[in-house]
Amino acid sequence: MRRISDKAYYERRARTEIRKANMTSDPSAKRVHLALAANYLNHVRSMEADAEQGGDLEMA
């Protein structure tokens, strides 16, 4: 159950960083916020892949 709250946390952080990027006019800051959002989303995808892999092992 902890994985679900972790996933929600990272998704929320990514949305926050995207919102910050949309609110700034500084191109450097925009790139940083979008890079952070991408990292958070990659982490979520990695967690989903780990969960799928764990599910596959349990069925075997």
PDB file of N, CA and C in Angstrom:
ATOM      1  N   MET A   1       0.824  -1.197   0.000  1.00  0.00           N
ATOM      2  CA  MET A   1       0.000   0.000   0.000  1.00  0.00           C
ATOM      3  C   MET A   1       0.868   1.260   0.000  1.00  0.00           C
ATOM      4  N   ARG A   2       2.044   1.163   0.528  1.00  0.00           N
ATOM      5  CA  ARG A   2       2.954   2.302   0.564  1.00  0.00           C
ATOM      6  C   ARG A   2       3.324   2.756  -0.844  1.00  0.00           C
ATOM      7  N   ARG A   3       3.428   1.825  -1.784  1.00  0.00           N
ATOM      8  CA  ARG A   3       3.808   2.163  -3.152  1.00  0.00           C
ATOM      9  C   ARG A   3       2.804   3.125  -3.782  1.00  0.00           C
ATOM     10  N   ILE A   4       1.537   2.956  -3.483  1.00  0.00           N
ATOM     11  CA  ILE A   4       0.510   3.810  -4.072  1.00  0.00           C
ATOM     12  C   ILE A   4       0.694   5.248  -3.605  1.00  0.00           C
ATOM     13  N   SER A   5       0.939   5.440  -2.317  1.00  0.00           N
ATOM     14  CA  SER A   5       1.113   6.802  -1.824  1.00  0.00           C
ATOM     15  C   SER A   5       2.413   7.404  -2.361  1.00  0.00           C
ATOM     16  N   ASP A   6       3.464   6.575  -2.532  1.00  0.00           N
ATOM     17  CA  ASP A   6       4.700   7.067  -3.128  1.00  0.00           C
ATOM     18  C   ASP A   6       4.445   7.528  -4.559  1.00  0.00           C
ATOM     19  N   LYS A   7       3.686   6.732  -5.299  1.00  0.00           N
ATOM     20  CA  LYS A   7       3.373   7.074  -6.688  1.00  0.00           C
ATOM     21  C   LYS A   7       2.600   8.387  -6.747  1.00  0.00           C
ATOM     22  N   ALA A   8       1.623   8.533  -5.884  1.00  0.00           N
ATOM     23  CA  ALA A   8       0.830   9.766  -5.852  1.00  0.00           C
ATOM     24  C   ALA A   8       1.708  10.963  -5.509  1.00  0.00           C
ATOM     25  N   TYR A   9       2.652  10.767  -4.593  1.00  0.00           N
ATOM     26  CA  TYR A   9       3.559  11.848  -4.205  1.00  0.00           C
ATOM     27  C   TYR A   9       4.360  12.326  -5.415  1.00  0.00           C
ATOM     28  N   TYR A  10       4.963  11.394  -6.146  1.00  0.00           N
ATOM     29  CA  TYR A  10       5.790  11.778  -7.290  1.00  0.00           C
ATOM     30  C   TYR A  10       4.961  12.379  -8.420  1.00  0.00           C
ATOM     31  N   GLU A  11       3.761  11.879  -8.624  1.00  0.00           N
ATOM     32  CA  GLU A  11       2.884  12.474  -9.635  1.00  0.00           C
ATOM     33  C   GLU A  11       2.508  13.899  -9.249  1.00  0.00           C
ATOM     34  N   ARG A  12       2.234  14.119  -7.974  1.00  0.00           N
ATOM     35  CA  ARG A  12       1.884  15.459  -7.500  1.00  0.00           C
ATOM     36  C   ARG A  12       3.070  16.407  -7.647  1.00  0.00           C
ATOM     37  N   ARG A  13       4.279  15.921  -7.323  1.00  0.00           N
ATOM     38  CA  ARG A  13       5.476  16.759  -7.474  1.00  0.00           C
ATOM     39  C   ARG A  13       5.696  17.123  -8.944  1.00  0.00           C
ATOM     40  N   ALA A  14       5.473  16.185  -9.847  1.00  0.00           N
ATOM     41  CA  ALA A  14       5.641  16.456 -11.278  1.00  0.00           C
ATOM     42  C   ALA A  14       4.652  17.519 -11.739  1.00  0.00           C
ATOM     43  N   ARG A  15       3.391  17.393 -11.325  1.00  0.00           N
ATOM     44  CA  ARG A  15       2.385  18.400 -11.702  1.00  0.00           C
ATOM     45  C   ARG A  15       2.762  19.774 -11.150  1.00  0.00           C
ATOM     46  N   THR A  16       3.296  19.817  -9.938  1.00  0.00           N
ATOM     47  CA  THR A  16       3.706  21.086  -9.337  1.00  0.00           C
ATOM     48  C   THR A  16       4.833  21.721 -10.145  1.00  0.00           C
ATOM     49  N   GLU A  17       5.807  20.919 -10.548  1.00  0.00           N
ATOM     50  CA  GLU A  17       6.931  21.448 -11.328  1.00  0.00           C
ATOM     51  C   GLU A  17       6.463  21.938 -12.695  1.00  0.00           C
ATOM     52  N   ILE A  18       5.527  21.241 -13.315  1.00  0.00           N
ATOM     53  CA  ILE A  18       4.988  21.684 -14.607  1.00  0.00           C
ATOM     54  C   ILE A  18       4.251  23.004 -14.430  1.00  0.00           C
ATOM     55  N   ARG A  19       3.502  23.117 -13.357  1.00  0.00           N
ATOM     56  CA  ARG A  19       2.782  24.362 -13.069  1.00  0.00           C
ATOM     57  C   ARG A  19       3.778  25.514 -12.875  1.00  0.00           C
ATOM     58  N   LYS A  20       4.868  25.264 -12.149  1.00  0.00           N
ATOM     59  CA  LYS A  20       5.890  26.294 -11.940  1.00  0.00           C
ATOM     60  C   LYS A  20       6.514  26.708 -13.274  1.00  0.00           C
ATOM     61  N   ALA A  21       6.771  25.721 -14.145  1.00  0.00           N
ATOM     62  CA  ALA A  21       7.366  26.021 -15.453  1.00  0.00           C
ATOM     63  C   ALA A  21       6.439  26.901 -16.275  1.00  0.00           C
ATOM     64  N   ASN A  22       5.144  26.647 -16.188  1.00  0.00           N
ATOM     65  CA  ASN A  22       4.180  27.446 -16.947  1.00  0.00           C
ATOM     66  C   ASN A  22       4.043  28.857 -16.400  1.00  0.00           C
ATOM     67  N   MET A  23       4.358  29.052 -15.131  1.00  0.00           N
ATOM     68  CA  MET A  23       4.185  30.373 -14.518  1.00  0.00           C
ATOM     69  C   MET A  23       5.416  31.266 -14.645  1.00  0.00           C
ATOM     70  N   THR A  24       6.563  30.707 -15.002  1.00  0.00           N
ATOM     71  CA  THR A  24       7.777  31.510 -15.078  1.00  0.00           C
ATOM     72  C   THR A  24       8.047  31.961 -16.514  1.00  0.00           C
ATOM     73  N   SER A  25       8.707  33.093 -16.629  1.00  0.00           N
ATOM     74  CA  SER A  25       9.072  33.590 -17.956  1.00  0.00           C
ATOM     75  C   SER A  25      10.567  33.395 -18.227  1.00  0.00           C
ATOM     76  N   ASP A  26      11.317  32.961 -17.216  1.00  0.00           N
ATOM     77  CA  ASP A  26      12.754  32.732 -17.350  1.00  0.00           C
ATOM     78  C   ASP A  26      12.994  31.379 -18.035  1.00  0.00           C
ATOM     79  N   PRO A  27      13.632  31.381 -19.210  1.00  0.00           N
ATOM     80  CA  PRO A  27      13.834  30.126 -19.940  1.00  0.00           C
ATOM     81  C   PRO A  27      14.667  29.098 -19.168  1.00  0.00           C
ATOM     82  N   SER A  28      15.660  29.568 -18.423  1.00  0.00           N
ATOM     83  CA  SER A  28      16.491  28.637 -17.649  1.00  0.00           C
ATOM     84  C   SER A  28      15.679  27.968 -16.550  1.00  0.00           C
ATOM     85  N   ALA A  29      14.897  28.758 -15.842  1.00  0.00           N
ATOM     86  CA  ALA A  29      14.062  28.212 -14.768  1.00  0.00           C
ATOM     87  C   ALA A  29      13.025  27.252 -15.341  1.00  0.00           C
ATOM     88  N   LYS A  30      12.489  27.595 -16.505  1.00  0.00           N
ATOM     89  CA  LYS A  30      11.492  26.731 -17.151  1.00  0.00           C
ATOM     90  C   LYS A  30      12.100  25.367 -17.465  1.00  0.00           C
ATOM     91  N   ARG A  31      13.335  25.368 -18.012  1.00  0.00           N
ATOM     92  CA  ARG A  31      14.014  24.106 -18.325  1.00  0.00           C
ATOM     93  C   ARG A  31      14.254  23.279 -17.068  1.00  0.00           C
ATOM     94  N   VAL A  32      14.654  23.948 -15.991  1.00  0.00           N
ATOM     95  CA  VAL A  32      14.914  23.239 -14.732  1.00  0.00           C
ATOM     96  C   VAL A  32      13.632  22.596 -14.210  1.00  0.00           C
ATOM     97  N   HIS A  33      12.542  23.351 -14.200  1.00  0.00           N
ATOM     98  CA  HIS A  33      11.275  22.811 -13.700  1.00  0.00           C
ATOM     99  C   HIS A  33      10.792  21.644 -14.562  1.00  0.00           C
ATOM    100  N   LEU A  34      10.942  21.761 -15.875  1.00  0.00           N
ATOM    101  CA  LEU A  34      10.513  20.672 -16.753  1.00  0.00           C
ATOM    102  C   LEU A  34      11.413  19.445 -16.604  1.00  0.00           C
ATOM    103  N   ALA A  35      12.704  19.667 -16.364  1.00  0.00           N
ATOM    104  CA  ALA A  35      13.614  18.543 -16.134  1.00  0.00           C
ATOM    105  C   ALA A  35      13.260  17.825 -14.833  1.00  0.00           C
ATOM    106  N   LEU A  36      12.947  18.591 -13.798  1.00  0.00           N
ATOM    107  CA  LEU A  36      12.536  17.982 -12.532  1.00  0.00           C
ATOM    108  C   LEU A  36      11.244  17.187 -12.708  1.00  0.00           C
ATOM    109  N   ALA A  37      10.304  17.748 -13.444  1.00  0.00           N
ATOM    110  CA  ALA A  37       9.040  17.046 -13.695  1.00  0.00           C
ATOM    111  C   ALA A  37       9.303  15.738 -14.443  1.00  0.00           C
ATOM    112  N   ALA A  38      10.186  15.786 -15.418  1.00  0.00           N
ATOM    113  CA  ALA A  38      10.512  14.576 -16.180  1.00  0.00           C
ATOM    114  C   ALA A  38      11.140  13.520 -15.275  1.00  0.00           C
ATOM    115  N   ASN A  39      12.007  13.951 -14.364  1.00  0.00           N
ATOM    116  CA  ASN A  39      12.617  13.004 -13.433  1.00  0.00           C
ATOM    117  C   ASN A  39      11.570  12.357 -12.535  1.00  0.00           C
ATOM    118  N   TYR A  40      10.644  13.155 -12.036  1.00  0.00           N
ATOM    119  CA  TYR A  40       9.577  12.607 -11.190  1.00  0.00           C
ATOM    120  C   TYR A  40       8.732  11.603 -11.972  1.00  0.00           C
ATOM    121  N   LEU A  41       8.391  11.939 -13.216  1.00  0.00           N
ATOM    122  CA  LEU A  41       7.569  11.036 -14.027  1.00  0.00           C
ATOM    123  C   LEU A  41       8.328   9.757 -14.391  1.00  0.00           C
ATOM    124  N   ASN A  42       9.634   9.873 -14.623  1.00  0.00           N
ATOM    125  CA  ASN A  42      10.442   8.678 -14.882  1.00  0.00           C
ATOM    126  C   ASN A  42      10.464   7.775 -13.658  1.00  0.00           C
ATOM    127  N   HIS A  43      10.517   8.391 -12.485  1.00  0.00           N
ATOM    128  CA  HIS A  43      10.502   7.619 -11.246  1.00  0.00           C
ATOM    129  C   HIS A  43       9.175   6.869 -11.107  1.00  0.00           C
ATOM    130  N   VAL A  44       8.081   7.530 -11.452  1.00  0.00           N
ATOM    131  CA  VAL A  44       6.760   6.883 -11.398  1.00  0.00           C
ATOM    132  C   VAL A  44       6.725   5.700 -12.361  1.00  0.00           C
ATOM    133  N   ARG A  45       7.226   5.886 -13.582  1.00  0.00           N
ATOM    134  CA  ARG A  45       7.234   4.796 -14.564  1.00  0.00           C
ATOM    135  C   ARG A  45       8.079   3.623 -14.075  1.00  0.00           C
ATOM    136  N   SER A  46       9.207   3.943 -13.451  1.00  0.00           N
ATOM    137  CA  SER A  46      10.074   2.897 -12.914  1.00  0.00           C
ATOM    138  C   SER A  46       9.370   2.133 -11.797  1.00  0.00           C
ATOM    139  N   MET A  47       8.629   2.843 -10.949  1.00  0.00           N
ATOM    140  CA  MET A  47       7.883   2.182  -9.879  1.00  0.00           C
ATOM    141  C   MET A  47       6.797   1.282 -10.461  1.00  0.00           C
ATOM    142  N   GLU A  48       6.131   1.738 -11.515  1.00  0.00           N
ATOM    143  CA  GLU A  48       5.091   0.928 -12.159  1.00  0.00           C
ATOM    144  C   GLU A  48       5.696  -0.322 -12.788  1.00  0.00           C
ATOM    145  N   ALA A  49       6.863  -0.181 -13.410  1.00  0.00           N
ATOM    146  CA  ALA A  49       7.527  -1.332 -14.023  1.00  0.00           C
ATOM    147  C   ALA A  49       7.946  -2.333 -12.948  1.00  0.00           C
ATOM    148  N   ASP A  50       8.448  -1.839 -11.831  1.00  0.00           N
ATOM    149  CA  ASP A  50       8.826  -2.725 -10.728  1.00  0.00           C
ATOM    150  C   ASP A  50       7.609  -3.462 -10.185  1.00  0.00           C
ATOM    151  N   ALA A  51       6.494  -2.771 -10.085  1.00  0.00           N
ATOM    152  CA  ALA A  51       5.271  -3.397  -9.578  1.00  0.00           C
ATOM    153  C   ALA A  51       4.789  -4.479 -10.541  1.00  0.00           C
ATOM    154  N   GLU A  52       4.863  -4.202 -11.847  1.00  0.00           N
ATOM    155  CA  GLU A  52       4.463  -5.203 -12.841  1.00  0.00           C
ATOM    156  C   GLU A  52       5.388  -6.406 -12.788  1.00  0.00           C
ATOM    157  N   GLN A  53       6.673  -6.146 -12.657  1.00  0.00           N
ATOM    158  CA  GLN A  53       7.651  -7.219 -12.603  1.00  0.00           C
ATOM    159  C   GLN A  53       7.428  -8.074 -11.358  1.00  0.00           C
ATOM    160  N   GLY A  54       7.123  -7.440 -10.250  1.00  0.00           N
ATOM    161  CA  GLY A  54       6.833  -8.171  -9.024  1.00  0.00           C
ATOM    162  C   GLY A  54       5.593  -9.021  -9.169  1.00  0.00           C
ATOM    163  N   GLY A  55       4.587  -8.511  -9.855  1.00  0.00           N
ATOM    164  CA  GLY A  55       3.362  -9.265 -10.103  1.00  0.00           C
ATOM    165  C   GLY A  55       3.613 -10.459 -11.001  1.00  0.00           C
ATOM    166  N   ASP A  56       4.493 -10.291 -11.985  1.00  0.00           N
ATOM    167  CA  ASP A  56       4.822 -11.395 -12.885  1.00  0.00           C
ATOM    168  C   ASP A  56       5.546 -12.506 -12.135  1.00  0.00           C
ATOM    169  N   LEU A  57       6.405 -12.150 -11.200  1.00  0.00           N
ATOM    170  CA  LEU A  57       7.143 -13.148 -10.440  1.00  0.00           C
ATOM    171  C   LEU A  57       6.218 -13.926  -9.512  1.00  0.00           C
ATOM    172  N   GLU A  58       5.205 -13.252  -8.970  1.00  0.00           N
ATOM    173  CA  GLU A  58       4.280 -13.927  -8.066  1.00  0.00           C
ATOM    174  C   GLU A  58       3.437 -14.953  -8.813  1.00  0.00           C
ATOM    175  N   MET A  59       3.119 -14.686 -10.078  1.00  0.00           N
ATOM    176  CA  MET A  59       2.292 -15.605 -10.856  1.00  0.00           C
ATOM    177  C   MET A  59       3.087 -16.819 -11.321  1.00  0.00           C
ATOM    178  N   ALA A  60       4.397 -16.693 -11.432  1.00  0.00           N
ATOM    179  CA  ALA A  60       5.230 -17.788 -11.947  1.00  0.00           C
ATOM    180  C   ALA A  60       5.390 -18.910 -10.947  1.00  0.00           C
TER     181      ALA A  60
END
